[in-house]
Amino acid sequence: MARLVVIATTAVPDHVRGALSRWMLEPVAGVYVGTMSARVRDELWSAVSASVGDGAAVCVHPDDNEQGFSMRTAGERRRTTIDFDGLQLVRLSALEEPEQQMPLIPEGW
């Protein structure tokens, strides 16, 4: 089975980027690509997901399922992975709108 692993990061601390660049190539800012064993991938993902801070990361790797791959996410973002009858789908949550302040009612009304 292919061992290609892709990890995309957003606003993660520099030490996370450094850890990823030891094992993977960064062809585009924040996107890391590499081939590795499942054990190395799992250890690397544990380190990344534990230290994303205010950022976010997603890991896509081959898996023996209907889609042929699995996704893992860490951090808070609008896109979340959900399981739909065994298929992993991406749900996009709505934007949070700032609370609108009610206009002040002038005196005398």
C-alpha atoms as a PDB file:
ATOM      1  CA  MET A   1       0.000   0.000   0.000  1.00  0.00           C
ATOM      2  CA  ALA A   2       1.207   3.472  -0.832  1.00  0.00           C
ATOM      3  CA  ARG A   3       2.504   5.396   2.160  1.00  0.00           C
ATOM      4  CA  LEU A   4       2.050   8.940   0.903  1.00  0.00           C
ATOM      5  CA  VAL A   5       1.103  11.342   3.685  1.00  0.00           C
ATOM      6  CA  VAL A   6      -0.058  14.952   3.251  1.00  0.00           C
ATOM      7  CA  ILE A   7      -0.323  17.331   6.206  1.00  0.00           C
ATOM      8  CA  ALA A   8      -1.688  20.849   5.709  1.00  0.00           C
ATOM      9  CA  THR A   9      -1.235  23.401   8.464  1.00  0.00           C
ATOM     10  CA  THR A  10      -2.602  26.850   9.218  1.00  0.00           C
ATOM     11  CA  ALA A  11      -1.080  29.251  11.747  1.00  0.00           C
ATOM     12  CA  VAL A  12       0.859  26.604  13.667  1.00  0.00           C
ATOM     13  CA  PRO A  13       3.875  27.454  15.860  1.00  0.00           C
ATOM     14  CA  ASP A  14       7.294  27.476  14.201  1.00  0.00           C
ATOM     15  CA  HIS A  15       8.491  24.394  16.092  1.00  0.00           C
ATOM     16  CA  VAL A  16       5.644  22.360  14.556  1.00  0.00           C
ATOM     17  CA  ARG A  17       6.710  23.447  11.087  1.00  0.00           C
ATOM     18  CA  GLY A  18      10.289  22.508  11.966  1.00  0.00           C
ATOM     19  CA  ALA A  19       9.250  19.052  13.155  1.00  0.00           C
ATOM     20  CA  LEU A  20       7.270  18.458   9.969  1.00  0.00           C
ATOM     21  CA  SER A  21      10.092  19.632   7.711  1.00  0.00           C
ATOM     22  CA  ARG A  22      12.422  17.011   9.211  1.00  0.00           C
ATOM     23  CA  TRP A  23      10.270  14.214   7.800  1.00  0.00           C
ATOM     24  CA  MET A  24       8.470  15.814   4.862  1.00  0.00           C
ATOM     25  CA  LEU A  25       8.877  18.283   1.998  1.00  0.00           C
ATOM     26  CA  GLU A  26       7.007  21.600   1.980  1.00  0.00           C
ATOM     27  CA  PRO A  27       6.196  22.269  -1.721  1.00  0.00           C
ATOM     28  CA  VAL A  28       3.745  25.044  -0.792  1.00  0.00           C
ATOM     29  CA  ALA A  29       3.680  27.066   2.420  1.00  0.00           C
ATOM     30  CA  GLY A  30       1.939  25.024   5.093  1.00  0.00           C
ATOM     31  CA  VAL A  31       1.532  21.859   2.981  1.00  0.00           C
ATOM     32  CA  TYR A  32       3.857  18.954   3.795  1.00  0.00           C
ATOM     33  CA  VAL A  33       4.214  15.813   1.665  1.00  0.00           C
ATOM     34  CA  GLY A  34       6.175  12.676   2.410  1.00  0.00           C
ATOM     35  CA  THR A  35       6.266   8.907   2.475  1.00  0.00           C
ATOM     36  CA  MET A  36       6.648   7.161   5.795  1.00  0.00           C
ATOM     37  CA  SER A  37       5.560   4.153   7.772  1.00  0.00           C
ATOM     38  CA  ALA A  38       2.279   4.172   9.681  1.00  0.00           C
ATOM     39  CA  ARG A  39       4.185   4.241  12.947  1.00  0.00           C
ATOM     40  CA  VAL A  40       6.171   7.349  12.027  1.00  0.00           C
ATOM     41  CA  ARG A  41       3.026   9.001  10.645  1.00  0.00           C
ATOM     42  CA  ASP A  42       1.088   8.326  13.847  1.00  0.00           C
ATOM     43  CA  GLU A  43       3.909   9.594  16.074  1.00  0.00           C
ATOM     44  CA  LEU A  44       4.349  12.701  13.932  1.00  0.00           C
ATOM     45  CA  TRP A  45       0.605  13.390  13.955  1.00  0.00           C
ATOM     46  CA  SER A  46       0.487  12.970  17.736  1.00  0.00           C
ATOM     47  CA  ALA A  47       3.182  15.615  18.092  1.00  0.00           C
ATOM     48  CA  VAL A  48       1.489  17.962  15.606  1.00  0.00           C
ATOM     49  CA  SER A  49      -2.028  17.637  17.006  1.00  0.00           C
ATOM     50  CA  ALA A  50      -0.781  18.160  20.566  1.00  0.00           C
ATOM     51  CA  SER A  51       0.923  21.434  19.725  1.00  0.00           C
ATOM     52  CA  VAL A  52      -1.117  23.213  17.020  1.00  0.00           C
ATOM     53  CA  GLY A  53      -2.027  25.929  19.524  1.00  0.00           C
ATOM     54  CA  ASP A  54      -4.441  28.395  17.928  1.00  0.00           C
ATOM     55  CA  GLY A  55      -3.708  26.973  14.491  1.00  0.00           C
ATOM     56  CA  ALA A  56      -5.105  23.961  12.703  1.00  0.00           C
ATOM     57  CA  ALA A  57      -3.830  20.940  10.822  1.00  0.00           C
ATOM     58  CA  VAL A  58      -5.245  18.171   8.680  1.00  0.00           C
ATOM     59  CA  CYS A  59      -3.544  14.886   7.825  1.00  0.00           C
ATOM     60  CA  VAL A  60      -4.576  12.765   4.828  1.00  0.00           C
ATOM     61  CA  HIS A  61      -3.096   9.311   4.391  1.00  0.00           C
ATOM     62  CA  PRO A  62      -3.918   6.063   2.579  1.00  0.00           C
ATOM     63  CA  ASP A  63      -6.211   3.696   4.428  1.00  0.00           C
ATOM     64  CA  ASP A  64      -7.956   0.402   3.744  1.00  0.00           C
ATOM     65  CA  ASN A  65     -11.508   1.753   3.467  1.00  0.00           C
ATOM     66  CA  GLU A  66     -14.014   2.580   0.724  1.00  0.00           C
ATOM     67  CA  GLN A  67     -12.457   5.964  -0.029  1.00  0.00           C
ATOM     68  CA  GLY A  68      -8.902   4.658   0.078  1.00  0.00           C
ATOM     69  CA  PHE A  69      -7.781   7.368   2.484  1.00  0.00           C
ATOM     70  CA  SER A  70      -8.454   8.797   5.916  1.00  0.00           C
ATOM     71  CA  MET A  71      -8.401  12.326   7.269  1.00  0.00           C
ATOM     72  CA  ARG A  72      -7.509  13.562  10.725  1.00  0.00           C
ATOM     73  CA  THR A  73      -7.915  17.118  11.933  1.00  0.00           C
ATOM     74  CA  ALA A  74      -6.613  19.139  14.855  1.00  0.00           C
ATOM     75  CA  GLY A  75      -7.511  22.653  15.946  1.00  0.00           C
ATOM     76  CA  GLU A  76     -10.629  24.705  15.461  1.00  0.00           C
ATOM     77  CA  ARG A  77     -11.660  25.716  11.944  1.00  0.00           C
ATOM     78  CA  ARG A  78     -14.861  26.051   9.935  1.00  0.00           C
ATOM     79  CA  ARG A  79     -14.184  22.788   8.088  1.00  0.00           C
ATOM     80  CA  THR A  80     -14.650  19.647  10.149  1.00  0.00           C
ATOM     81  CA  THR A  81     -14.528  16.002   9.195  1.00  0.00           C
ATOM     82  CA  ILE A  82     -17.665  13.966   9.798  1.00  0.00           C
ATOM     83  CA  ASP A  83     -18.428  10.279   9.333  1.00  0.00           C
ATOM     84  CA  PHE A  84     -21.398   9.591   7.048  1.00  0.00           C
ATOM     85  CA  ASP A  85     -22.111   5.845   6.833  1.00  0.00           C
ATOM     86  CA  GLY A  86     -18.416   5.066   6.750  1.00  0.00           C
ATOM     87  CA  LEU A  87     -17.484   7.885   4.385  1.00  0.00           C
ATOM     88  CA  GLN A  88     -15.479  10.795   5.661  1.00  0.00           C
ATOM     89  CA  LEU A  89     -17.005  14.071   4.516  1.00  0.00           C
ATOM     90  CA  VAL A  90     -16.079  17.671   5.181  1.00  0.00           C
ATOM     91  CA  ARG A  91     -18.685  19.886   6.811  1.00  0.00           C
ATOM     92  CA  LEU A  92     -18.405  23.641   6.457  1.00  0.00           C
ATOM     93  CA  SER A  93     -19.967  25.447   9.397  1.00  0.00           C
ATOM     94  CA  ALA A  94     -21.668  28.791   8.988  1.00  0.00           C
ATOM     95  CA  LEU A  95     -19.864  32.003   9.668  1.00  0.00           C
ATOM     96  CA  GLU A  96     -20.556  33.509  13.024  1.00  0.00           C
ATOM     97  CA  GLU A  97     -22.024  36.932  12.563  1.00  0.00           C
ATOM     98  CA  PRO A  98     -21.298  39.537  15.159  1.00  0.00           C
ATOM     99  CA  GLU A  99     -24.237  40.372  17.329  1.00  0.00           C
ATOM    100  CA  GLN A 100     -26.117  43.302  15.958  1.00  0.00           C
ATOM    101  CA  GLN A 101     -26.749  45.984  18.431  1.00  0.00           C
ATOM    102  CA  MET A 102     -30.254  47.266  18.616  1.00  0.00           C
ATOM    103  CA  PRO A 103     -30.470  50.955  17.745  1.00  0.00           C
ATOM    104  CA  LEU A 104     -31.155  53.119  20.712  1.00  0.00           C
ATOM    105  CA  ILE A 105     -34.728  54.282  20.938  1.00  0.00           C
ATOM    106  CA  PRO A 106     -34.811  58.045  21.275  1.00  0.00           C
ATOM    107  CA  GLU A 107     -36.526  59.421  24.343  1.00  0.00           C
ATOM    108  CA  GLY A 108     -40.123  60.298  23.905  1.00  0.00           C
ATOM    109  CA  TRP A 109     -41.056  57.179  21.925  1.00  0.00           C
END
